[in-house]
Full PDB file with SEQRES, HELIX, SHEET, SSBOND, CRYST1, ORIGX, SCALE, CONECT and MASTER records, all heavy atoms in Angstrom:
SEQRES   1 A   37  TYR CYS THR LEU PRO HIS SER PRO ILE ASN VAL GLY VAL          
SEQRES   2 A   37  LEU ILE THR GLU ILE LEU ASN VAL ALA ARG GLN PHE TYR          
SEQRES   3 A   37  SER GLU SER GLY ALA SER THR LYS ALA PHE LEU                  
HELIX    1 AA1 VAL A   11  GLU A   28  1                                  18    
HELIX    2 AA2 ALA A   31  PHE A   36  1                                   6    
CRYST1    1.000    1.000    1.000  90.00  90.00  90.00 P 1           1          
ORIGX1      1.000000  0.000000  0.000000        0.00000                         
ORIGX2      0.000000  1.000000  0.000000        0.00000                         
ORIGX3      0.000000  0.000000  1.000000        0.00000                         
SCALE1      1.000000  0.000000  0.000000        0.00000                         
SCALE2      0.000000  1.000000  0.000000        0.00000                         
SCALE3      0.000000  0.000000  1.000000        0.00000                         
ATOM      1  N   TYR A   1       0.839  -1.246  -0.022  1.00  0.00           N  
ATOM      2  CA  TYR A   1      -0.058   0.028  -0.039  1.00  0.00           C  
ATOM      3  C   TYR A   1       0.877   1.291  -0.002  1.00  0.00           C  
ATOM      4  O   TYR A   1       1.723   1.460   0.885  1.00  0.00           O  
ATOM      5  CB  TYR A   1      -0.865   0.006   1.224  1.00  0.00           C  
ATOM      6  CG  TYR A   1      -1.993   1.062   1.316  1.00  0.00           C  
ATOM      7  CD1 TYR A   1      -3.016   1.048   0.449  1.00  0.00           C  
ATOM      8  CD2 TYR A   1      -1.781   2.109   2.177  1.00  0.00           C  
ATOM      9  CE1 TYR A   1      -4.030   2.111   0.564  1.00  0.00           C  
ATOM     10  CE2 TYR A   1      -2.710   3.149   2.280  1.00  0.00           C  
ATOM     11  CZ  TYR A   1      -3.846   3.127   1.447  1.00  0.00           C  
ATOM     12  OH  TYR A   1      -4.753   4.042   1.533  1.00  0.00           O  
ATOM     13  N   CYS A   2       0.705   2.037  -1.073  1.00  0.00           N  
ATOM     14  CA  CYS A   2       1.499   3.332  -1.174  1.00  0.00           C  
ATOM     15  C   CYS A   2       0.605   4.573  -0.884  1.00  0.00           C  
ATOM     16  O   CYS A   2      -0.474   4.554  -1.299  1.00  0.00           O  
ATOM     17  CB  CYS A   2       2.151   3.368  -2.616  1.00  0.00           C  
ATOM     18  SG  CYS A   2       3.280   2.069  -2.892  1.00  0.00           S  
ATOM     19  N   THR A   3       1.275   5.477  -0.163  1.00  0.00           N  
ATOM     20  CA  THR A   3       0.498   6.712   0.110  1.00  0.00           C  
ATOM     21  C   THR A   3       1.292   7.839  -0.381  1.00  0.00           C  
ATOM     22  O   THR A   3       2.546   7.873  -0.274  1.00  0.00           O  
ATOM     23  CB  THR A   3       0.143   6.857   1.582  1.00  0.00           C  
ATOM     24  OG1 THR A   3       1.436   6.837   2.308  1.00  0.00           O  
ATOM     25  CG2 THR A   3      -0.646   5.698   2.126  1.00  0.00           C  
ATOM     26  N   LEU A   4       0.609   8.902  -0.708  1.00  0.00           N  
ATOM     27  CA  LEU A   4       1.300  10.136  -1.120  1.00  0.00           C  
ATOM     28  C   LEU A   4       1.481  10.904   0.167  1.00  0.00           C  
ATOM     29  O   LEU A   4       0.872  10.677   1.190  1.00  0.00           O  
ATOM     30  CB  LEU A   4       0.395  10.981  -2.078  1.00  0.00           C  
ATOM     31  CG  LEU A   4       0.135  10.288  -3.413  1.00  0.00           C  
ATOM     32  CD1 LEU A   4      -0.855  11.199  -4.177  1.00  0.00           C  
ATOM     33  CD2 LEU A   4       1.455  10.127  -4.228  1.00  0.00           C  
ATOM     34  N   PRO A   5       2.488  11.868   0.238  1.00  0.00           N  
ATOM     35  CA  PRO A   5       2.693  12.695   1.486  1.00  0.00           C  
ATOM     36  C   PRO A   5       1.443  13.313   1.939  1.00  0.00           C  
ATOM     37  O   PRO A   5       0.731  13.965   1.012  1.00  0.00           O  
ATOM     38  CB  PRO A   5       3.785  13.660   0.850  1.00  0.00           C  
ATOM     39  CG  PRO A   5       4.439  12.927  -0.204  1.00  0.00           C  
ATOM     40  CD  PRO A   5       3.368  12.170  -0.902  1.00  0.00           C  
ATOM     41  N   HIS A   6       1.153  13.107   3.187  1.00  0.00           N  
ATOM     42  CA  HIS A   6       0.021  13.684   3.869  1.00  0.00           C  
ATOM     43  C   HIS A   6      -1.367  13.143   3.370  1.00  0.00           C  
ATOM     44  O   HIS A   6      -2.427  13.740   3.693  1.00  0.00           O  
ATOM     45  CB  HIS A   6      -0.041  15.218   3.723  1.00  0.00           C  
ATOM     46  CG  HIS A   6       1.305  15.910   3.864  1.00  0.00           C  
ATOM     47  ND1 HIS A   6       2.046  15.532   5.090  1.00  0.00           N  
ATOM     48  CD2 HIS A   6       2.049  16.800   3.269  1.00  0.00           C  
ATOM     49  CE1 HIS A   6       3.195  16.243   5.017  1.00  0.00           C  
ATOM     50  NE2 HIS A   6       3.229  17.034   3.971  1.00  0.00           N  
ATOM     51  N   SER A   7      -1.381  12.028   2.570  1.00  0.00           N  
ATOM     52  CA  SER A   7      -2.606  11.429   2.247  1.00  0.00           C  
ATOM     53  C   SER A   7      -3.173  10.547   3.341  1.00  0.00           C  
ATOM     54  O   SER A   7      -2.382  10.093   4.162  1.00  0.00           O  
ATOM     55  CB  SER A   7      -2.463  10.643   0.943  1.00  0.00           C  
ATOM     56  OG  SER A   7      -1.588   9.530   1.146  1.00  0.00           O  
ATOM     57  N   PRO A   8      -4.460  10.344   3.391  1.00  0.00           N  
ATOM     58  CA  PRO A   8      -5.024   9.508   4.513  1.00  0.00           C  
ATOM     59  C   PRO A   8      -4.465   8.095   4.442  1.00  0.00           C  
ATOM     60  O   PRO A   8      -4.270   7.530   3.428  1.00  0.00           O  
ATOM     61  CB  PRO A   8      -6.538   9.556   4.196  1.00  0.00           C  
ATOM     62  CG  PRO A   8      -6.719  10.830   3.313  1.00  0.00           C  
ATOM     63  CD  PRO A   8      -5.429  10.981   2.559  1.00  0.00           C  
ATOM     64  N   ILE A   9      -4.493   7.444   5.529  1.00  0.00           N  
ATOM     65  CA  ILE A   9      -4.131   6.035   5.750  1.00  0.00           C  
ATOM     66  C   ILE A   9      -5.407   5.238   5.871  1.00  0.00           C  
ATOM     67  O   ILE A   9      -6.184   5.578   6.756  1.00  0.00           O  
ATOM     68  CB  ILE A   9      -3.203   5.827   6.899  1.00  0.00           C  
ATOM     69  CG1 ILE A   9      -1.777   6.319   6.591  1.00  0.00           C  
ATOM     70  CG2 ILE A   9      -3.109   4.400   7.237  1.00  0.00           C  
ATOM     71  CD1 ILE A   9      -0.822   6.220   7.726  1.00  0.00           C  
ATOM     72  N   ASN A  10      -5.546   4.312   4.948  1.00  0.00           N  
ATOM     73  CA  ASN A  10      -6.648   3.421   5.059  1.00  0.00           C  
ATOM     74  C   ASN A  10      -6.717   2.564   6.264  1.00  0.00           C  
ATOM     75  O   ASN A  10      -5.668   1.691   6.382  1.00  0.00           O  
ATOM     76  CB  ASN A  10      -6.895   2.673   3.843  1.00  0.00           C  
ATOM     77  CG  ASN A  10      -8.193   1.850   3.738  1.00  0.00           C  
ATOM     78  OD1 ASN A  10      -8.274   0.848   4.356  1.00  0.00           O  
ATOM     79  ND2 ASN A  10      -9.141   2.337   3.113  1.00  0.00           N  
ATOM     80  N   VAL A  11      -7.608   2.654   7.236  1.00  0.00           N  
ATOM     81  CA  VAL A  11      -7.599   1.826   8.445  1.00  0.00           C  
ATOM     82  C   VAL A  11      -7.713   0.379   8.144  1.00  0.00           C  
ATOM     83  O   VAL A  11      -7.121  -0.500   8.935  1.00  0.00           O  
ATOM     84  CB  VAL A  11      -8.615   2.334   9.460  1.00  0.00           C  
ATOM     85  CG1 VAL A  11      -9.973   1.809   8.971  1.00  0.00           C  
ATOM     86  CG2 VAL A  11      -8.367   1.907  10.825  1.00  0.00           C  
ATOM     87  N   GLY A  12      -8.372  -0.012   7.031  1.00  0.00           N  
ATOM     88  CA  GLY A  12      -8.435  -1.456   6.789  1.00  0.00           C  
ATOM     89  C   GLY A  12      -7.069  -2.052   6.339  1.00  0.00           C  
ATOM     90  O   GLY A  12      -6.803  -3.210   6.789  1.00  0.00           O  
ATOM     91  N   VAL A  13      -6.307  -1.268   5.557  1.00  0.00           N  
ATOM     92  CA  VAL A  13      -4.989  -1.786   5.304  1.00  0.00           C  
ATOM     93  C   VAL A  13      -4.048  -1.746   6.557  1.00  0.00           C  
ATOM     94  O   VAL A  13      -3.276  -2.723   6.689  1.00  0.00           O  
ATOM     95  CB  VAL A  13      -4.341  -0.810   4.218  1.00  0.00           C  
ATOM     96  CG1 VAL A  13      -2.907  -1.293   3.932  1.00  0.00           C  
ATOM     97  CG2 VAL A  13      -5.159  -0.850   2.968  1.00  0.00           C  
ATOM     98  N   LEU A  14      -4.188  -0.773   7.426  1.00  0.00           N  
ATOM     99  CA  LEU A  14      -3.499  -0.811   8.648  1.00  0.00           C  
ATOM    100  C   LEU A  14      -3.764  -2.024   9.556  1.00  0.00           C  
ATOM    101  O   LEU A  14      -2.853  -2.665  10.013  1.00  0.00           O  
ATOM    102  CB  LEU A  14      -3.746   0.481   9.400  1.00  0.00           C  
ATOM    103  CG  LEU A  14      -2.986   0.654  10.790  1.00  0.00           C  
ATOM    104  CD1 LEU A  14      -1.534   0.628  10.646  1.00  0.00           C  
ATOM    105  CD2 LEU A  14      -3.443   1.897  11.534  1.00  0.00           C  
ATOM    106  N   ILE A  15      -5.005  -2.268   9.664  1.00  0.00           N  
ATOM    107  CA  ILE A  15      -5.497  -3.474  10.452  1.00  0.00           C  
ATOM    108  C   ILE A  15      -4.852  -4.748   9.842  1.00  0.00           C  
ATOM    109  O   ILE A  15      -4.358  -5.630  10.571  1.00  0.00           O  
ATOM    110  CB  ILE A  15      -6.938  -3.536  10.471  1.00  0.00           C  
ATOM    111  CG1 ILE A  15      -7.550  -2.391  11.402  1.00  0.00           C  
ATOM    112  CG2 ILE A  15      -7.397  -4.901  11.118  1.00  0.00           C  
ATOM    113  CD1 ILE A  15      -9.036  -2.243  11.235  1.00  0.00           C  
ATOM    114  N   THR A  16      -4.927  -4.824   8.481  1.00  0.00           N  
ATOM    115  CA  THR A  16      -4.425  -6.014   7.738  1.00  0.00           C  
ATOM    116  C   THR A  16      -2.846  -6.150   8.072  1.00  0.00           C  
ATOM    117  O   THR A  16      -2.489  -7.279   8.282  1.00  0.00           O  
ATOM    118  CB  THR A  16      -4.739  -5.872   6.242  1.00  0.00           C  
ATOM    119  OG1 THR A  16      -6.110  -5.808   6.117  1.00  0.00           O  
ATOM    120  CG2 THR A  16      -4.240  -7.156   5.623  1.00  0.00           C  
ATOM    121  N   GLU A  17      -2.211  -5.020   8.000  1.00  0.00           N  
ATOM    122  CA  GLU A  17      -0.842  -5.117   8.312  1.00  0.00           C  
ATOM    123  C   GLU A  17      -0.527  -5.685   9.749  1.00  0.00           C  
ATOM    124  O   GLU A  17       0.248  -6.599   9.878  1.00  0.00           O  
ATOM    125  CB  GLU A  17      -0.238  -3.651   8.252  1.00  0.00           C  
ATOM    126  CG  GLU A  17       0.206  -3.208   6.879  1.00  0.00           C  
ATOM    127  CD  GLU A  17       1.044  -1.956   6.909  1.00  0.00           C  
ATOM    128  OE1 GLU A  17       1.240  -1.459   8.091  1.00  0.00           O  
ATOM    129  OE2 GLU A  17       1.400  -1.578   5.771  1.00  0.00           O  
ATOM    130  N   ILE A  18      -1.260  -5.195  10.696  1.00  0.00           N  
ATOM    131  CA  ILE A  18      -1.068  -5.620  12.027  1.00  0.00           C  
ATOM    132  C   ILE A  18      -1.423  -7.137  12.203  1.00  0.00           C  
ATOM    133  O   ILE A  18      -0.640  -7.916  12.772  1.00  0.00           O  
ATOM    134  CB  ILE A  18      -1.940  -4.840  13.052  1.00  0.00           C  
ATOM    135  CG1 ILE A  18      -1.517  -3.322  13.004  1.00  0.00           C  
ATOM    136  CG2 ILE A  18      -1.733  -5.399  14.511  1.00  0.00           C  
ATOM    137  CD1 ILE A  18      -2.394  -2.475  13.792  1.00  0.00           C  
ATOM    138  N   LEU A  19      -2.477  -7.562  11.533  1.00  0.00           N  
ATOM    139  CA  LEU A  19      -2.811  -8.925  11.683  1.00  0.00           C  
ATOM    140  C   LEU A  19      -1.858  -9.864  10.900  1.00  0.00           C  
ATOM    141  O   LEU A  19      -1.504 -10.939  11.421  1.00  0.00           O  
ATOM    142  CB  LEU A  19      -4.256  -9.167  11.031  1.00  0.00           C  
ATOM    143  CG  LEU A  19      -5.444  -8.476  11.603  1.00  0.00           C  
ATOM    144  CD1 LEU A  19      -6.691  -8.841  11.030  1.00  0.00           C  
ATOM    145  CD2 LEU A  19      -5.470  -8.607  13.144  1.00  0.00           C  
ATOM    146  N   ASN A  20      -1.297  -9.400   9.851  1.00  0.00           N  
ATOM    147  CA  ASN A  20      -0.384 -10.146   9.032  1.00  0.00           C  
ATOM    148  C   ASN A  20       0.933 -10.346   9.875  1.00  0.00           C  
ATOM    149  O   ASN A  20       1.502 -11.488   9.872  1.00  0.00           O  
ATOM    150  CB  ASN A  20      -0.091  -9.611   7.722  1.00  0.00           C  
ATOM    151  CG  ASN A  20      -1.130  -9.706   6.740  1.00  0.00           C  
ATOM    152  OD1 ASN A  20      -2.074 -10.499   6.896  1.00  0.00           O  
ATOM    153  ND2 ASN A  20      -1.110  -8.881   5.657  1.00  0.00           N  
ATOM    154  N   VAL A  21       1.362  -9.333  10.521  1.00  0.00           N  
ATOM    155  CA  VAL A  21       2.525  -9.351  11.336  1.00  0.00           C  
ATOM    156  C   VAL A  21       2.453 -10.298  12.538  1.00  0.00           C  
ATOM    157  O   VAL A  21       3.300 -11.099  12.862  1.00  0.00           O  
ATOM    158  CB  VAL A  21       3.115  -7.988  11.767  1.00  0.00           C  
ATOM    159  CG1 VAL A  21       4.196  -8.068  12.756  1.00  0.00           C  
ATOM    160  CG2 VAL A  21       3.432  -7.172  10.549  1.00  0.00           C  
ATOM    161  N   ALA A  22       1.268 -10.184  13.179  1.00  0.00           N  
ATOM    162  CA  ALA A  22       0.962 -11.023  14.298  1.00  0.00           C  
ATOM    163  C   ALA A  22       0.729 -12.485  13.945  1.00  0.00           C  
ATOM    164  O   ALA A  22       1.323 -13.368  14.647  1.00  0.00           O  
ATOM    165  CB  ALA A  22      -0.332 -10.527  15.036  1.00  0.00           C  
ATOM    166  N   ARG A  23       0.222 -12.701  12.796  1.00  0.00           N  
ATOM    167  CA  ARG A  23       0.086 -14.103  12.273  1.00  0.00           C  
ATOM    168  C   ARG A  23       1.400 -14.639  11.971  1.00  0.00           C  
ATOM    169  O   ARG A  23       1.674 -15.890  12.287  1.00  0.00           O  
ATOM    170  CB  ARG A  23      -0.808 -14.063  11.066  1.00  0.00           C  
ATOM    171  CG  ARG A  23      -1.240 -15.498  10.597  1.00  0.00           C  
ATOM    172  CD  ARG A  23      -2.130 -15.424   9.274  1.00  0.00           C  
ATOM    173  NE  ARG A  23      -3.412 -14.834   9.574  1.00  0.00           N  
ATOM    174  CZ  ARG A  23      -3.802 -13.565   9.182  1.00  0.00           C  
ATOM    175  NH1 ARG A  23      -2.984 -12.766   8.331  1.00  0.00           N  
ATOM    176  NH2 ARG A  23      -5.018 -13.162   9.354  1.00  0.00           N  
ATOM    177  N   GLN A  24       2.282 -13.958  11.326  1.00  0.00           N  
ATOM    178  CA  GLN A  24       3.661 -14.417  11.064  1.00  0.00           C  
ATOM    179  C   GLN A  24       4.452 -14.718  12.264  1.00  0.00           C  
ATOM    180  O   GLN A  24       5.225 -15.598  12.385  1.00  0.00           O  
ATOM    181  CB  GLN A  24       4.318 -13.534   9.983  1.00  0.00           C  
ATOM    182  CG  GLN A  24       5.606 -13.946   9.535  1.00  0.00           C  
ATOM    183  CD  GLN A  24       5.453 -15.147   8.586  1.00  0.00           C  
ATOM    184  OE1 GLN A  24       4.374 -15.286   7.966  1.00  0.00           O  
ATOM    185  NE2 GLN A  24       6.450 -16.033   8.438  1.00  0.00           N  
ATOM    186  N   PHE A  25       4.320 -13.798  13.176  1.00  0.00           N  
ATOM    187  CA  PHE A  25       5.028 -13.959  14.494  1.00  0.00           C  
ATOM    188  C   PHE A  25       4.614 -15.318  15.072  1.00  0.00           C  
ATOM    189  O   PHE A  25       5.440 -15.974  15.621  1.00  0.00           O  
ATOM    190  CB  PHE A  25       4.744 -12.774  15.376  1.00  0.00           C  
ATOM    191  CG  PHE A  25       5.270 -12.927  16.803  1.00  0.00           C  
ATOM    192  CD1 PHE A  25       6.624 -12.847  17.093  1.00  0.00           C  
ATOM    193  CD2 PHE A  25       4.429 -13.193  17.895  1.00  0.00           C  
ATOM    194  CE1 PHE A  25       7.082 -13.076  18.339  1.00  0.00           C  
ATOM    195  CE2 PHE A  25       4.918 -13.352  19.110  1.00  0.00           C  
ATOM    196  CZ  PHE A  25       6.236 -13.197  19.390  1.00  0.00           C  
ATOM    197  N   TYR A  26       3.339 -15.590  15.212  1.00  0.00           N  
ATOM    198  CA  TYR A  26       2.902 -16.852  15.761  1.00  0.00           C  
ATOM    199  C   TYR A  26       3.443 -18.034  15.045  1.00  0.00           C  
ATOM    200  O   TYR A  26       3.955 -18.953  15.650  1.00  0.00           O  
ATOM    201  CB  TYR A  26       1.363 -16.868  15.706  1.00  0.00           C  
ATOM    202  CG  TYR A  26       0.776 -18.140  16.335  1.00  0.00           C  
ATOM    203  CD1 TYR A  26       0.526 -18.169  17.715  1.00  0.00           C  
ATOM    204  CD2 TYR A  26       0.570 -19.303  15.622  1.00  0.00           C  
ATOM    205  CE1 TYR A  26       0.004 -19.275  18.352  1.00  0.00           C  
ATOM    206  CE2 TYR A  26       0.069 -20.452  16.199  1.00  0.00           C  
ATOM    207  CZ  TYR A  26      -0.253 -20.394  17.485  1.00  0.00           C  
ATOM    208  OH  TYR A  26      -0.671 -21.599  18.050  1.00  0.00           O  
ATOM    209  N   SER A  27       3.477 -17.962  13.695  1.00  0.00           N  
ATOM    210  CA  SER A  27       3.998 -19.148  12.916  1.00  0.00           C  
ATOM    211  C   SER A  27       5.372 -19.371  13.279  1.00  0.00           C  
ATOM    212  O   SER A  27       5.849 -20.562  13.002  1.00  0.00           O  
ATOM    213  CB  SER A  27       3.670 -18.951  11.481  1.00  0.00           C  
ATOM    214  OG  SER A  27       4.393 -17.937  10.901  1.00  0.00           O  
ATOM    215  N   GLU A  28       6.156 -18.374  13.455  1.00  0.00           N  
ATOM    216  CA  GLU A  28       7.642 -18.627  13.774  1.00  0.00           C  
ATOM    217  C   GLU A  28       8.012 -18.762  15.167  1.00  0.00           C  
ATOM    218  O   GLU A  28       9.127 -18.902  15.500  1.00  0.00           O  
ATOM    219  CB  GLU A  28       8.386 -17.408  13.174  1.00  0.00           C  
ATOM    220  CG  GLU A  28       8.328 -17.210  11.608  1.00  0.00           C  
ATOM    221  CD  GLU A  28       9.316 -16.249  11.119  1.00  0.00           C  
ATOM    222  OE1 GLU A  28      10.080 -15.582  11.839  1.00  0.00           O  
ATOM    223  OE2 GLU A  28       9.313 -16.034   9.797  1.00  0.00           O  
ATOM    224  N   SER A  29       7.077 -18.695  16.022  1.00  0.00           N  
ATOM    225  CA  SER A  29       7.310 -18.832  17.483  1.00  0.00           C  
ATOM    226  C   SER A  29       7.443 -20.238  17.874  1.00  0.00           C  
ATOM    227  O   SER A  29       7.043 -21.184  17.279  1.00  0.00           O  
ATOM    228  CB  SER A  29       6.151 -18.159  18.364  1.00  0.00           C  
ATOM    229  OG  SER A  29       6.136 -16.722  18.084  1.00  0.00           O  
ATOM    230  N   GLY A  30       8.166 -20.421  19.056  1.00  0.00           N  
ATOM    231  CA  GLY A  30       8.368 -21.708  19.596  1.00  0.00           C  
ATOM    232  C   GLY A  30       7.132 -22.237  20.392  1.00  0.00           C  
ATOM    233  O   GLY A  30       6.202 -21.408  20.640  1.00  0.00           O  
ATOM    234  N   ALA A  31       7.181 -23.409  20.885  1.00  0.00           N  
ATOM    235  CA  ALA A  31       6.073 -23.996  21.576  1.00  0.00           C  
ATOM    236  C   ALA A  31       5.591 -23.207  22.832  1.00  0.00           C  
ATOM    237  O   ALA A  31       4.434 -23.001  23.087  1.00  0.00           O  
ATOM    238  CB  ALA A  31       6.367 -25.373  21.988  1.00  0.00           C  
ATOM    239  N   SER A  32       6.563 -22.645  23.610  1.00  0.00           N  
ATOM    240  CA  SER A  32       6.210 -21.944  24.793  1.00  0.00           C  
ATOM    241  C   SER A  32       5.570 -20.698  24.507  1.00  0.00           C  
ATOM    242  O   SER A  32       4.659 -20.211  25.233  1.00  0.00           O  
ATOM    243  CB  SER A  32       7.422 -21.737  25.737  1.00  0.00           C  
ATOM    244  OG  SER A  32       8.459 -21.036  24.982  1.00  0.00           O  
ATOM    245  N   THR A  33       6.048 -19.943  23.568  1.00  0.00           N  
ATOM    246  CA  THR A  33       5.395 -18.649  23.120  1.00  0.00           C  
ATOM    247  C   THR A  33       3.998 -19.006  22.548  1.00  0.00           C  
ATOM    248  O   THR A  33       3.104 -18.164  22.852  1.00  0.00           O  
ATOM    249  CB  THR A  33       6.280 -18.005  22.028  1.00  0.00           C  
ATOM    250  OG1 THR A  33       7.577 -17.726  22.674  1.00  0.00           O  
ATOM    251  CG2 THR A  33       5.760 -16.604  21.597  1.00  0.00           C  
ATOM    252  N   LYS A  34       3.841 -19.890  21.733  1.00  0.00           N  
ATOM    253  CA  LYS A  34       2.493 -20.294  21.198  1.00  0.00           C  
ATOM    254  C   LYS A  34       1.615 -20.673  22.306  1.00  0.00           C  
ATOM    255  O   LYS A  34       0.414 -20.197  22.257  1.00  0.00           O  
ATOM    256  CB  LYS A  34       2.672 -21.440  20.192  1.00  0.00           C  
ATOM    257  CG  LYS A  34       3.287 -21.030  18.909  1.00  0.00           C  
ATOM    258  CD  LYS A  34       3.244 -22.248  17.877  1.00  0.00           C  
ATOM    259  CE  LYS A  34       3.904 -21.772  16.586  1.00  0.00           C  
ATOM    260  NZ  LYS A  34       3.822 -22.914  15.638  1.00  0.00           N  
ATOM    261  N   ALA A  35       2.062 -21.312  23.359  1.00  0.00           N  
ATOM    262  CA  ALA A  35       1.235 -21.665  24.515  1.00  0.00           C  
ATOM    263  C   ALA A  35       0.734 -20.394  25.253  1.00  0.00           C  
ATOM    264  O   ALA A  35      -0.474 -20.275  25.555  1.00  0.00           O  
ATOM    265  CB  ALA A  35       1.981 -22.555  25.435  1.00  0.00           C  
ATOM    266  N   PHE A  36       1.668 -19.374  25.294  1.00  0.00           N  
ATOM    267  CA  PHE A  36       1.220 -18.177  25.880  1.00  0.00           C  
ATOM    268  C   PHE A  36       0.188 -17.460  25.061  1.00  0.00           C  
ATOM    269  O   PHE A  36      -0.800 -16.947  25.673  1.00  0.00           O  
ATOM    270  CB  PHE A  36       2.447 -17.246  26.055  1.00  0.00           C  
ATOM    271  CG  PHE A  36       2.101 -15.886  26.650  1.00  0.00           C  
ATOM    272  CD1 PHE A  36       2.241 -15.670  28.005  1.00  0.00           C  
ATOM    273  CD2 PHE A  36       1.828 -14.883  25.936  1.00  0.00           C  
ATOM    274  CE1 PHE A  36       1.941 -14.424  28.623  1.00  0.00           C  
ATOM    275  CE2 PHE A  36       1.449 -13.664  26.461  1.00  0.00           C  
ATOM    276  CZ  PHE A  36       1.575 -13.409  27.847  1.00  0.00           C  
ATOM    277  N   LEU A  37       0.374 -17.356  23.780  1.00  0.00           N  
ATOM    278  CA  LEU A  37      -0.475 -16.665  22.896  1.00  0.00           C  
ATOM    279  C   LEU A  37      -1.919 -17.365  22.827  1.00  0.00           C  
ATOM    280  O   LEU A  37      -2.901 -16.674  22.727  1.00  0.00           O  
ATOM    281  CB  LEU A  37       0.104 -16.596  21.538  1.00  0.00           C  
ATOM    282  CG  LEU A  37       1.326 -15.698  21.334  1.00  0.00           C  
ATOM    283  CD1 LEU A  37       1.980 -15.894  20.019  1.00  0.00           C  
ATOM    284  CD2 LEU A  37       1.093 -14.218  21.602  1.00  0.00           C  
TER     285      LEU A  37                                                      
MASTER        0    0    0    2    0    0    0    6  284    1    0    3          
END                                                                             
């Protein structure tokens, strides 16, 4: 997602970014971290 300077940030894309990072973090985590999550 590319934005021009001072253009609005689409909250749907922002949410998707956060979810993708959290999902990838979980997939790469060890057993104890996954148990915590």
